């Protein structure tokens, strides 16, 4: 078979995923869906299933790569997926349980959500991440809702995220900065910045699905200069935390 063009590639993958048992819809997400990709960007797909889904069916397609079991990526709303190479392209596939997605959509409309840890995400993820995907991703096969940002969530989410950031900075001040522990302070600053960025975007009613451009979106890239000036000196670390708090207050 001749190599697929970038125009034909997503449809080819979507057809194979949509044919798997219990799969109801397939989407394209990430930078490819938002038009911010570069030539070497990977391809992010999600398959939405109803009821039982067996990852063995995805393995049987024969694409090279690693296919996880359900729950292997920490459980919760982000419950697994695959890292694959398809037609020479890097392609990620995320599992999305429609029952879970619909529950979180209903929760978000009422201004309710919860926080979950997730590998590679400094601040973890909100349960409304799967709702954001519905709003942002491109539906390739099947039908899915396209929700607007709920006003109740705009009101409820920012103080939760800001509270997490404030607690993180307060702990860093007492447990790390006073002891001259620069590495720990740097980690706390990065985590608190991501929390604050989530607060900023929630207040705007702006969806986000990962942290890759979160600081830019929230106007918090100035934290780089603060972190660059860290050194294992208690006074300097205290000053850095104060500077970060001022930056975060301005952004919010």
Protein backbone atom coordinates (compact mmCIF):
# COMPACT_ATOMS: atom_id res chain seq x y z
CA UNK A 1 0.00 0.00 0.00
CA UNK A 2 1.31 3.46 -0.88
CA UNK A 3 2.22 5.75 2.01
CA UNK A 4 -0.70 7.79 3.27
CA UNK A 5 -0.76 11.57 3.01
CA UNK A 6 -1.38 13.66 6.12
CA UNK A 7 -4.84 14.37 4.74
CA UNK A 8 -5.70 10.67 4.44
CA UNK A 9 -3.93 9.42 7.56
CA UNK A 10 -6.49 10.40 10.26
CA UNK A 11 -9.35 8.86 8.31
CA UNK A 12 -7.39 5.63 7.87
CA UNK A 13 -6.73 5.36 11.60
CA UNK A 14 -10.28 6.37 12.51
CA UNK A 15 -11.75 3.67 10.27
CA UNK A 16 -9.69 0.97 11.98
CA UNK A 17 -10.49 2.25 15.48
CA UNK A 18 -14.21 2.72 14.78
CA UNK A 19 -14.43 -0.91 13.63
CA UNK A 20 -13.32 -2.23 17.05
CA UNK A 21 -16.03 -3.83 19.22
CA UNK A 22 -17.97 -1.37 21.48
CA UNK A 23 -16.28 1.73 19.95
CA UNK A 24 -18.91 4.39 19.26
CA UNK A 25 -16.79 7.38 18.16
CA UNK A 26 -13.23 8.39 17.29
CA UNK A 27 -11.66 11.84 17.59
CA UNK A 28 -8.45 13.60 16.65
CA UNK A 29 -7.01 15.78 19.40
CA UNK A 30 -3.86 17.62 20.41
CA UNK A 31 -2.01 20.03 18.18
CA UNK A 32 -3.21 18.30 15.01
CA UNK A 33 -6.82 19.13 15.84
CA UNK A 34 -6.03 22.68 16.94
CA UNK A 35 -3.80 23.59 14.01
CA UNK A 36 -0.75 24.28 16.18
CA UNK A 37 1.25 21.24 15.08
CA UNK A 38 4.68 21.11 13.52
CA UNK A 39 5.78 18.56 10.89
CA UNK A 40 7.15 16.24 13.59
CA UNK A 41 4.16 16.47 15.95
CA UNK A 42 2.56 13.17 16.86
CA UNK A 43 -1.08 12.30 16.23
CA UNK A 44 -3.48 12.05 19.15
CA UNK A 45 -6.60 9.93 18.75
CA UNK A 46 -9.27 8.94 21.24
CA UNK A 47 -11.67 6.05 20.95
CA UNK A 48 -14.97 6.35 22.81
CA UNK A 49 -16.48 3.04 23.86
CA UNK A 50 -19.71 2.01 25.55
CA UNK A 51 -19.65 -0.89 27.99
CA UNK A 52 -16.70 -3.29 27.91
CA UNK A 53 -13.63 -2.54 25.80
CA UNK A 54 -10.87 -5.11 25.35
CA UNK A 55 -7.41 -3.66 24.51
CA UNK A 56 -6.61 -7.00 22.88
CA UNK A 57 -8.83 -5.93 20.01
CA UNK A 58 -6.59 -2.90 19.45
CA UNK A 59 -3.46 -5.06 19.63
CA UNK A 60 -4.97 -7.34 17.01
CA UNK A 61 -4.97 -4.49 14.48
CA UNK A 62 -1.23 -5.15 14.27
CA UNK A 63 0.22 -1.67 14.65
CA UNK A 64 3.68 -1.53 16.20
CA UNK A 65 3.87 -0.15 19.73
CA UNK A 66 2.61 -0.55 23.28
CA UNK A 67 -1.06 -1.04 24.13
CA UNK A 68 -2.01 -0.65 27.78
CA UNK A 69 -4.72 -2.38 29.73
CA UNK A 70 -7.66 -0.39 31.05
CA UNK A 71 -6.54 1.61 34.08
CA UNK A 72 -2.81 1.25 33.42
CA UNK A 73 -2.36 5.03 33.10
CA UNK A 74 -3.61 5.64 36.59
CA UNK A 75 -7.30 4.93 36.23
CA UNK A 76 -9.83 7.70 36.68
CA UNK A 77 -10.86 9.73 33.67
CA UNK A 78 -7.56 9.02 31.87
CA UNK A 79 -7.82 5.26 31.93
CA UNK A 80 -5.27 4.01 29.45
CA UNK A 81 -4.29 3.97 25.82
CA UNK A 82 -1.56 3.11 23.37
CA UNK A 83 1.66 4.51 21.95
CA UNK A 84 1.88 3.33 18.36
CA UNK A 85 3.68 3.76 15.07
CA UNK A 86 1.24 3.77 12.16
CA UNK A 87 2.44 4.26 8.57
CA UNK A 88 5.70 5.69 9.95
CA UNK A 89 3.91 8.22 12.16
CA UNK A 90 3.79 8.39 15.96
CA UNK A 91 0.19 7.99 17.05
CA UNK A 92 -1.26 7.97 20.56
CA UNK A 93 -4.65 6.41 21.22
CA UNK A 94 -6.56 7.25 24.41
CA UNK A 95 -9.38 5.15 25.84
CA UNK A 96 -12.52 7.08 26.75
CA UNK A 97 -15.39 5.37 28.55
CA UNK A 98 -18.57 7.11 27.39
CA UNK A 99 -20.33 6.44 30.69
CA UNK A 100 -17.51 8.25 32.52
CA UNK A 101 -17.40 11.07 29.98
CA UNK A 102 -21.13 11.68 30.19
CA UNK A 103 -20.98 11.66 34.00
CA UNK A 104 -18.19 14.25 34.04
CA UNK A 105 -20.06 16.39 31.53
CA UNK A 106 -23.09 16.41 33.83
CA UNK A 107 -20.86 17.21 36.82
CA UNK A 108 -19.13 20.07 35.00
CA UNK A 109 -22.47 21.61 34.09
CA UNK A 110 -23.23 21.72 37.83
CA UNK A 111 -19.82 23.23 38.65
CA UNK A 112 -18.46 20.03 40.20
CA UNK A 113 -15.15 18.33 39.45
CA UNK A 114 -12.33 16.50 41.17
CA UNK A 115 -8.56 16.41 40.82
CA UNK A 116 -6.56 13.38 39.70
CA UNK A 117 -2.80 12.73 39.47
CA UNK A 118 -1.49 11.88 36.02
CA UNK A 119 2.00 11.08 34.81
CA UNK A 120 3.82 13.96 33.10
CA UNK A 121 1.34 16.55 34.46
CA UNK A 122 2.85 18.72 37.19
CA UNK A 123 -0.51 19.81 38.56
CA UNK A 124 -2.42 16.64 37.74
CA UNK A 125 -5.66 16.97 35.79
CA UNK A 126 -9.22 18.00 36.51
CA UNK A 127 -11.95 15.47 35.85
CA UNK A 128 -13.39 17.94 33.33
CA UNK A 129 -10.42 17.20 31.05
CA UNK A 130 -12.62 14.72 29.20
CA UNK A 131 -15.25 17.45 28.77
CA UNK A 132 -12.61 19.79 27.36
CA UNK A 133 -11.71 17.11 24.83
CA UNK A 134 -15.32 16.99 23.65
CA UNK A 135 -15.19 20.74 23.09
CA UNK A 136 -11.80 20.88 21.38
CA UNK A 137 -11.19 17.61 19.55
CA UNK A 138 -12.26 16.91 15.98
CA UNK A 139 -14.83 14.12 15.68
CA UNK A 140 -13.73 11.77 12.91
CA UNK A 141 -16.27 8.98 13.31
CA UNK A 142 -19.54 8.77 15.24
CA UNK A 143 -21.29 11.55 17.13
CA UNK A 144 -20.33 13.30 20.37
CA UNK A 145 -21.62 16.40 22.19
CA UNK A 146 -19.77 19.70 21.74
CA UNK A 147 -20.21 21.44 25.10
CA UNK A 148 -19.72 25.12 25.80
CA UNK A 149 -17.85 26.04 28.97
CA UNK A 150 -20.40 25.81 31.81
CA UNK A 151 -20.93 29.03 33.76
CA UNK A 152 -21.15 27.01 36.99
CA UNK A 153 -17.68 25.61 36.34
CA UNK A 154 -16.31 29.08 35.59
CA UNK A 155 -17.44 30.12 39.06
CA UNK A 156 -16.41 26.99 40.96
CA UNK A 157 -13.06 25.97 39.47
CA UNK A 158 -10.84 29.08 39.89
CA UNK A 159 -10.94 29.24 43.71
CA UNK A 160 -10.18 25.51 43.92
CA UNK A 161 -7.10 25.86 41.74
CA UNK A 162 -5.97 29.05 43.47
CA UNK A 163 -6.36 27.35 46.83
CA UNK A 164 -4.11 24.51 45.72
CA UNK A 165 -1.47 26.99 44.53
CA UNK A 166 -1.56 28.97 47.76
CA UNK A 167 -1.19 25.84 49.89
CA UNK A 168 1.72 24.65 47.76
CA UNK A 169 3.57 27.97 48.10
CA UNK A 170 2.86 28.14 51.82
CA UNK A 171 4.29 24.68 52.34
CA UNK A 172 7.34 25.52 50.23
CA UNK A 173 7.95 28.60 52.35
CA UNK A 174 7.95 26.71 55.66
CA UNK A 175 9.36 23.32 54.65
CA UNK A 176 11.83 24.13 51.89
CA UNK A 177 12.79 27.78 51.54
CA UNK A 178 13.71 28.21 55.21
CA UNK A 179 16.14 25.31 54.81
CA UNK A 180 17.70 26.55 51.56
CA UNK A 181 16.30 23.70 49.46
CA UNK A 182 16.27 25.22 46.00
CA UNK A 183 15.24 22.12 44.06
CA UNK A 184 12.15 21.59 46.17
CA UNK A 185 11.21 25.26 45.90
CA UNK A 186 11.58 25.08 42.11
CA UNK A 187 9.24 22.11 42.01
CA UNK A 188 6.69 23.85 44.20
CA UNK A 189 6.82 26.98 42.03
CA UNK A 190 6.23 24.95 38.86
CA UNK A 191 3.31 23.07 40.41
CA UNK A 192 1.73 26.22 41.84
CA UNK A 193 2.12 27.96 38.46
CA UNK A 194 0.22 25.20 36.69
CA UNK A 195 -2.50 25.32 39.35
CA UNK A 196 -2.77 29.07 38.90
CA UNK A 197 -2.88 28.72 35.12
CA UNK A 198 -5.82 26.35 35.45
CA UNK A 199 -7.54 28.99 37.60
CA UNK A 200 -6.91 31.69 35.00
CA UNK A 201 -8.26 29.64 32.11
CA UNK A 202 -11.28 28.45 34.08
CA UNK A 203 -12.16 32.05 34.95
CA UNK A 204 -12.02 32.90 31.23
CA UNK A 205 -14.12 29.89 30.30
CA UNK A 206 -11.27 28.57 28.17
CA UNK A 207 -10.76 24.83 27.78
CA UNK A 208 -7.35 23.18 28.05
CA UNK A 209 -6.41 19.52 27.72
CA UNK A 210 -2.75 19.46 28.84
CA UNK A 211 0.04 21.57 30.34
CA UNK A 212 2.25 21.99 27.28
CA UNK A 213 1.19 25.59 26.57
CA UNK A 214 -0.62 26.28 29.82
CA UNK A 215 1.75 28.94 31.17
CA UNK A 216 1.73 30.84 27.89
CA UNK A 217 -2.06 30.73 27.72
CA UNK A 218 -2.32 32.10 31.25
CA UNK A 219 0.38 34.77 30.89
CA UNK A 220 2.67 33.13 33.45
CA UNK A 221 5.82 32.62 31.39
CA UNK A 222 7.50 35.23 33.60
CA UNK A 223 8.01 32.49 36.17
CA UNK A 224 11.02 31.35 34.11
CA UNK A 225 13.03 34.35 35.24
CA UNK A 226 12.14 33.73 38.88
CA UNK A 227 13.18 30.09 38.73
CA UNK A 228 16.38 30.98 36.86
CA UNK A 229 17.40 33.16 39.82
CA UNK A 230 17.02 30.45 42.46
CA UNK A 231 19.96 29.45 44.61
CA UNK A 232 20.20 27.46 47.86
CA UNK A 233 19.93 30.52 50.06
CA UNK A 234 16.92 30.86 52.39
CA UNK A 235 16.52 34.60 51.88
CA UNK A 236 16.65 34.35 48.10
CA UNK A 237 14.19 31.45 48.09
CA UNK A 238 11.75 33.40 50.27
CA UNK A 239 12.04 36.35 47.89
CA UNK A 240 11.38 34.09 44.90
CA UNK A 241 8.20 32.76 46.50
CA UNK A 242 7.02 36.31 47.18
CA UNK A 243 7.76 37.31 43.56
CA UNK A 244 5.85 34.28 42.28
CA UNK A 245 2.87 35.09 44.50
CA UNK A 246 2.77 38.60 43.04
CA UNK A 247 2.94 37.22 39.49
CA UNK A 248 0.13 34.78 40.20
CA UNK A 249 -2.04 37.47 41.82
CA UNK A 250 -1.61 39.70 38.78
CA UNK A 251 -2.56 36.89 36.39
CA UNK A 252 -5.69 35.98 38.31
